[in-house]
Amino acid sequence: MAEKTLKITLVKSPIGAVPKHKKTLEAMGLTKMHKTVTLKDNASTRGQIQQVGYMLKVEE
């Protein structure tokens, strides 16, 4: 069984964002605008997305 993944793209600049949100994006590997990363679909990733979702585009 293949593990579920999420394709996450940074679509809003973190300039002026809450410092904690900037750190969350960095931890997810999103360092530049329009960069896309593929992460495992688990509770911790979903929590990060919930925190900074206003800056992201998420695809199943």
PDB file of N, CA and C in Angstrom:
ATOM      1  N   MET A   1       0.845  -1.198   0.000  1.00  0.00           N
ATOM      2  CA  MET A   1       0.000   0.000   0.000  1.00  0.00           C
ATOM      3  C   MET A   1       0.885   1.255   0.000  1.00  0.00           C
ATOM      4  N   ALA A   2       0.651   2.119  -0.945  1.00  0.00           N
ATOM      5  CA  ALA A   2       1.437   3.343  -1.047  1.00  0.00           C
ATOM      6  C   ALA A   2       1.043   4.319   0.058  1.00  0.00           C
ATOM      7  N   GLU A   3       2.040   5.020   0.592  1.00  0.00           N
ATOM      8  CA  GLU A   3       1.777   5.989   1.648  1.00  0.00           C
ATOM      9  C   GLU A   3       1.187   7.252   1.036  1.00  0.00           C
ATOM     10  N   LYS A   4       0.180   7.818   1.701  1.00  0.00           N
ATOM     11  CA  LYS A   4      -0.450   9.034   1.194  1.00  0.00           C
ATOM     12  C   LYS A   4       0.477  10.223   1.400  1.00  0.00           C
ATOM     13  N   THR A   5       0.503  11.088   0.399  1.00  0.00           N
ATOM     14  CA  THR A   5       1.331  12.291   0.481  1.00  0.00           C
ATOM     15  C   THR A   5       0.502  13.508   0.111  1.00  0.00           C
ATOM     16  N   LEU A   6       0.993  14.664   0.516  1.00  0.00           N
ATOM     17  CA  LEU A   6       0.375  15.938   0.178  1.00  0.00           C
ATOM     18  C   LEU A   6       1.382  16.787  -0.579  1.00  0.00           C
ATOM     19  N   LYS A   7       0.912  17.455  -1.624  1.00  0.00           N
ATOM     20  CA  LYS A   7       1.747  18.357  -2.410  1.00  0.00           C
ATOM     21  C   LYS A   7       1.411  19.770  -1.919  1.00  0.00           C
ATOM     22  N   ILE A   8       2.397  20.442  -1.327  1.00  0.00           N
ATOM     23  CA  ILE A   8       2.159  21.741  -0.699  1.00  0.00           C
ATOM     24  C   ILE A   8       3.007  22.806  -1.382  1.00  0.00           C
ATOM     25  N   THR A   9       2.361  23.909  -1.774  1.00  0.00           N
ATOM     26  CA  THR A   9       3.042  25.007  -2.463  1.00  0.00           C
ATOM     27  C   THR A   9       2.860  26.300  -1.679  1.00  0.00           C
ATOM     28  N   LEU A  10       3.946  27.055  -1.524  1.00  0.00           N
ATOM     29  CA  LEU A  10       3.889  28.355  -0.845  1.00  0.00           C
ATOM     30  C   LEU A  10       3.417  29.400  -1.856  1.00  0.00           C
ATOM     31  N   VAL A  11       2.254  30.010  -1.615  1.00  0.00           N
ATOM     32  CA  VAL A  11       1.687  30.962  -2.571  1.00  0.00           C
ATOM     33  C   VAL A  11       1.626  32.389  -2.037  1.00  0.00           C
ATOM     34  N   LYS A  12       1.860  32.581  -0.728  1.00  0.00           N
ATOM     35  CA  LYS A  12       1.834  33.928  -0.155  1.00  0.00           C
ATOM     36  C   LYS A  12       3.157  34.153   0.559  1.00  0.00           C
ATOM     37  N   SER A  13       3.730  35.324   0.387  1.00  0.00           N
ATOM     38  CA  SER A  13       5.027  35.627   0.983  1.00  0.00           C
ATOM     39  C   SER A  13       4.940  35.663   2.510  1.00  0.00           C
ATOM     40  N   PRO A  14       5.910  35.039   3.182  1.00  0.00           N
ATOM     41  CA  PRO A  14       5.921  35.067   4.646  1.00  0.00           C
ATOM     42  C   PRO A  14       6.462  36.373   5.231  1.00  0.00           C
ATOM     43  N   ILE A  15       6.824  37.336   4.374  1.00  0.00           N
ATOM     44  CA  ILE A  15       7.290  38.630   4.870  1.00  0.00           C
ATOM     45  C   ILE A  15       6.135  39.281   5.635  1.00  0.00           C
ATOM     46  N   GLY A  16       6.394  39.688   6.858  1.00  0.00           N
ATOM     47  CA  GLY A  16       5.367  40.311   7.675  1.00  0.00           C
ATOM     48  C   GLY A  16       4.497  39.314   8.424  1.00  0.00           C
ATOM     49  N   ALA A  17       4.758  38.013   8.243  1.00  0.00           N
ATOM     50  CA  ALA A  17       3.985  36.993   8.949  1.00  0.00           C
ATOM     51  C   ALA A  17       4.498  36.866  10.382  1.00  0.00           C
ATOM     52  N   VAL A  18       3.708  36.224  11.229  1.00  0.00           N
ATOM     53  CA  VAL A  18       4.092  35.954  12.613  1.00  0.00           C
ATOM     54  C   VAL A  18       5.390  35.132  12.600  1.00  0.00           C
ATOM     55  N   PRO A  19       6.382  35.478  13.422  1.00  0.00           N
ATOM     56  CA  PRO A  19       7.658  34.734  13.421  1.00  0.00           C
ATOM     57  C   PRO A  19       7.479  33.222  13.589  1.00  0.00           C
ATOM     58  N   LYS A  20       6.541  32.796  14.402  1.00  0.00           N
ATOM     59  CA  LYS A  20       6.293  31.356  14.599  1.00  0.00           C
ATOM     60  C   LYS A  20       5.840  30.708  13.289  1.00  0.00           C
ATOM     61  N   HIS A  21       5.061  31.432  12.492  1.00  0.00           N
ATOM     62  CA  HIS A  21       4.590  30.904  11.212  1.00  0.00           C
ATOM     63  C   HIS A  21       5.755  30.783  10.226  1.00  0.00           C
ATOM     64  N   LYS A  22       6.675  31.742  10.272  1.00  0.00           N
ATOM     65  CA  LYS A  22       7.855  31.673   9.400  1.00  0.00           C
ATOM     66  C   LYS A  22       8.672  30.423   9.721  1.00  0.00           C
ATOM     67  N   LYS A  23       8.840  30.141  11.024  1.00  0.00           N
ATOM     68  CA  LYS A  23       9.588  28.958  11.459  1.00  0.00           C
ATOM     69  C   LYS A  23       8.887  27.679  11.010  1.00  0.00           C
ATOM     70  N   THR A  24       7.556  27.676  11.058  1.00  0.00           N
ATOM     71  CA  THR A  24       6.787  26.507  10.628  1.00  0.00           C
ATOM     72  C   THR A  24       7.015  26.246   9.141  1.00  0.00           C
ATOM     73  N   LEU A  25       6.982  27.297   8.323  1.00  0.00           N
ATOM     74  CA  LEU A  25       7.220  27.146   6.881  1.00  0.00           C
ATOM     75  C   LEU A  25       8.628  26.607   6.622  1.00  0.00           C
ATOM     76  N   GLU A  26       9.591  27.125   7.375  1.00  0.00           N
ATOM     77  CA  GLU A  26      10.976  26.680   7.233  1.00  0.00           C
ATOM     78  C   GLU A  26      11.099  25.194   7.576  1.00  0.00           C
ATOM     79  N   ALA A  27      10.411  24.774   8.629  1.00  0.00           N
ATOM     80  CA  ALA A  27      10.439  23.372   9.053  1.00  0.00           C
ATOM     81  C   ALA A  27       9.804  22.458   7.996  1.00  0.00           C
ATOM     82  N   MET A  28       8.850  22.992   7.258  1.00  0.00           N
ATOM     83  CA  MET A  28       8.193  22.220   6.203  1.00  0.00           C
ATOM     84  C   MET A  28       9.037  22.178   4.928  1.00  0.00           C
ATOM     85  N   GLY A  29      10.096  22.996   4.873  1.00  0.00           N
ATOM     86  CA  GLY A  29      10.966  23.028   3.704  1.00  0.00           C
ATOM     87  C   GLY A  29      10.548  24.061   2.675  1.00  0.00           C
ATOM     88  N   LEU A  30       9.631  24.952   3.063  1.00  0.00           N
ATOM     89  CA  LEU A  30       9.160  25.993   2.139  1.00  0.00           C
ATOM     90  C   LEU A  30       9.932  27.280   2.410  1.00  0.00           C
ATOM     91  N   THR A  31      10.977  27.499   1.597  1.00  0.00           N
ATOM     92  CA  THR A  31      11.853  28.640   1.835  1.00  0.00           C
ATOM     93  C   THR A  31      11.637  29.776   0.836  1.00  0.00           C
ATOM     94  N   LYS A  32      11.064  29.469  -0.323  1.00  0.00           N
ATOM     95  CA  LYS A  32      10.860  30.496  -1.354  1.00  0.00           C
ATOM     96  C   LYS A  32       9.443  30.432  -1.904  1.00  0.00           C
ATOM     97  N   MET A  33       9.006  31.526  -2.467  1.00  0.00           N
ATOM     98  CA  MET A  33       7.687  31.604  -3.084  1.00  0.00           C
ATOM     99  C   MET A  33       7.556  30.577  -4.207  1.00  0.00           C
ATOM    100  N   HIS A  34       6.396  29.987  -4.324  1.00  0.00           N
ATOM    101  CA  HIS A  34       6.030  29.028  -5.369  1.00  0.00           C
ATOM    102  C   HIS A  34       6.857  27.743  -5.331  1.00  0.00           C
ATOM    103  N   LYS A  35       7.539  27.505  -4.209  1.00  0.00           N
ATOM    104  CA  LYS A  35       8.263  26.242  -4.034  1.00  0.00           C
ATOM    105  C   LYS A  35       7.250  25.178  -3.615  1.00  0.00           C
ATOM    106  N   THR A  36       7.388  23.983  -4.152  1.00  0.00           N
ATOM    107  CA  THR A  36       6.479  22.885  -3.850  1.00  0.00           C
ATOM    108  C   THR A  36       7.249  21.764  -3.173  1.00  0.00           C
ATOM    109  N   VAL A  37       6.680  21.253  -2.081  1.00  0.00           N
ATOM    110  CA  VAL A  37       7.266  20.101  -1.392  1.00  0.00           C
ATOM    111  C   VAL A  37       6.218  19.006  -1.283  1.00  0.00           C
ATOM    112  N   THR A  38       6.677  17.768  -1.174  1.00  0.00           N
ATOM    113  CA  THR A  38       5.784  16.633  -0.982  1.00  0.00           C
ATOM    114  C   THR A  38       6.054  16.080   0.411  1.00  0.00           C
ATOM    115  N   LEU A  39       5.025  16.112   1.262  1.00  0.00           N
ATOM    116  CA  LEU A  39       5.162  15.632   2.637  1.00  0.00           C
ATOM    117  C   LEU A  39       4.175  14.521   2.915  1.00  0.00           C
ATOM    118  N   LYS A  40       4.501  13.679   3.909  1.00  0.00           N
ATOM    119  CA  LYS A  40       3.608  12.598   4.310  1.00  0.00           C
ATOM    120  C   LYS A  40       2.313  13.178   4.865  1.00  0.00           C
ATOM    121  N   ASP A  41       1.200  12.517   4.583  1.00  0.00           N
ATOM    122  CA  ASP A  41      -0.105  12.946   5.087  1.00  0.00           C
ATOM    123  C   ASP A  41      -0.308  12.321   6.467  1.00  0.00           C
ATOM    124  N   ASN A  42       0.119  13.049   7.507  1.00  0.00           N
ATOM    125  CA  ASN A  42      -0.073  12.575   8.868  1.00  0.00           C
ATOM    126  C   ASN A  42      -0.535  13.721   9.771  1.00  0.00           C
ATOM    127  N   ALA A  43      -0.753  13.429  11.032  1.00  0.00           N
ATOM    128  CA  ALA A  43      -1.308  14.418  11.960  1.00  0.00           C
ATOM    129  C   ALA A  43      -0.406  15.648  12.124  1.00  0.00           C
ATOM    130  N   SER A  44       0.909  15.440  12.184  1.00  0.00           N
ATOM    131  CA  SER A  44       1.803  16.579  12.387  1.00  0.00           C
ATOM    132  C   SER A  44       1.807  17.508  11.172  1.00  0.00           C
ATOM    133  N   THR A  45       1.802  16.931   9.972  1.00  0.00           N
ATOM    134  CA  THR A  45       1.757  17.744   8.757  1.00  0.00           C
ATOM    135  C   THR A  45       0.438  18.502   8.679  1.00  0.00           C
ATOM    136  N   ARG A  46      -0.664  17.817   8.999  1.00  0.00           N
ATOM    137  CA  ARG A  46      -1.977  18.472   8.983  1.00  0.00           C
ATOM    138  C   ARG A  46      -2.023  19.636   9.980  1.00  0.00           C
ATOM    139  N   GLY A  47      -1.368  19.473  11.122  1.00  0.00           N
ATOM    140  CA  GLY A  47      -1.316  20.540  12.129  1.00  0.00           C
ATOM    141  C   GLY A  47      -0.553  21.749  11.615  1.00  0.00           C
ATOM    142  N   GLN A  48       0.562  21.497  10.923  1.00  0.00           N
ATOM    143  CA  GLN A  48       1.340  22.593  10.347  1.00  0.00           C
ATOM    144  C   GLN A  48       0.521  23.319   9.282  1.00  0.00           C
ATOM    145  N   ILE A  49      -0.194  22.553   8.460  1.00  0.00           N
ATOM    146  CA  ILE A  49      -1.018  23.149   7.408  1.00  0.00           C
ATOM    147  C   ILE A  49      -2.128  24.002   8.026  1.00  0.00           C
ATOM    148  N   GLN A  50      -2.711  23.522   9.117  1.00  0.00           N
ATOM    149  CA  GLN A  50      -3.783  24.261   9.785  1.00  0.00           C
ATOM    150  C   GLN A  50      -3.259  25.603  10.305  1.00  0.00           C
ATOM    151  N   GLN A  51      -2.010  25.618  10.773  1.00  0.00           N
ATOM    152  CA  GLN A  51      -1.425  26.834  11.329  1.00  0.00           C
ATOM    153  C   GLN A  51      -1.121  27.885  10.254  1.00  0.00           C
ATOM    154  N   VAL A  52      -0.561  27.462   9.132  1.00  0.00           N
ATOM    155  CA  VAL A  52      -0.123  28.421   8.103  1.00  0.00           C
ATOM    156  C   VAL A  52      -0.858  28.218   6.775  1.00  0.00           C
ATOM    157  N   GLY A  53      -2.042  27.637   6.836  1.00  0.00           N
ATOM    158  CA  GLY A  53      -2.805  27.312   5.637  1.00  0.00           C
ATOM    159  C   GLY A  53      -3.142  28.503   4.765  1.00  0.00           C
ATOM    160  N   TYR A  54      -3.221  29.686   5.381  1.00  0.00           N
ATOM    161  CA  TYR A  54      -3.553  30.895   4.611  1.00  0.00           C
ATOM    162  C   TYR A  54      -2.447  31.277   3.618  1.00  0.00           C
ATOM    163  N   MET A  55      -1.279  30.665   3.751  1.00  0.00           N
ATOM    164  CA  MET A  55      -0.159  30.963   2.844  1.00  0.00           C
ATOM    165  C   MET A  55       0.107  29.823   1.853  1.00  0.00           C
ATOM    166  N   LEU A  56      -0.673  28.744   1.947  1.00  0.00           N
ATOM    167  CA  LEU A  56      -0.373  27.539   1.183  1.00  0.00           C
ATOM    168  C   LEU A  56      -1.461  27.148   0.194  1.00  0.00           C
ATOM    169  N   LYS A  57      -1.056  26.348  -0.800  1.00  0.00           N
ATOM    170  CA  LYS A  57      -1.990  25.646  -1.670  1.00  0.00           C
ATOM    171  C   LYS A  57      -1.686  24.171  -1.471  1.00  0.00           C
ATOM    172  N   VAL A  58      -2.710  23.400  -1.070  1.00  0.00           N
ATOM    173  CA  VAL A  58      -2.499  21.990  -0.743  1.00  0.00           C
ATOM    174  C   VAL A  58      -3.263  21.119  -1.731  1.00  0.00           C
ATOM    175  N   GLU A  59      -2.568  20.112  -2.267  1.00  0.00           N
ATOM    176  CA  GLU A  59      -3.190  19.149  -3.177  1.00  0.00           C
ATOM    177  C   GLU A  59      -3.014  17.751  -2.606  1.00  0.00           C
ATOM    178  N   GLU A  60      -4.085  16.953  -2.685  1.00  0.00           N
ATOM    179  CA  GLU A  60      -4.030  15.579  -2.153  1.00  0.00           C
ATOM    180  C   GLU A  60      -3.109  14.723  -2.998  1.00  0.00           C
TER     181      GLU A  60
END
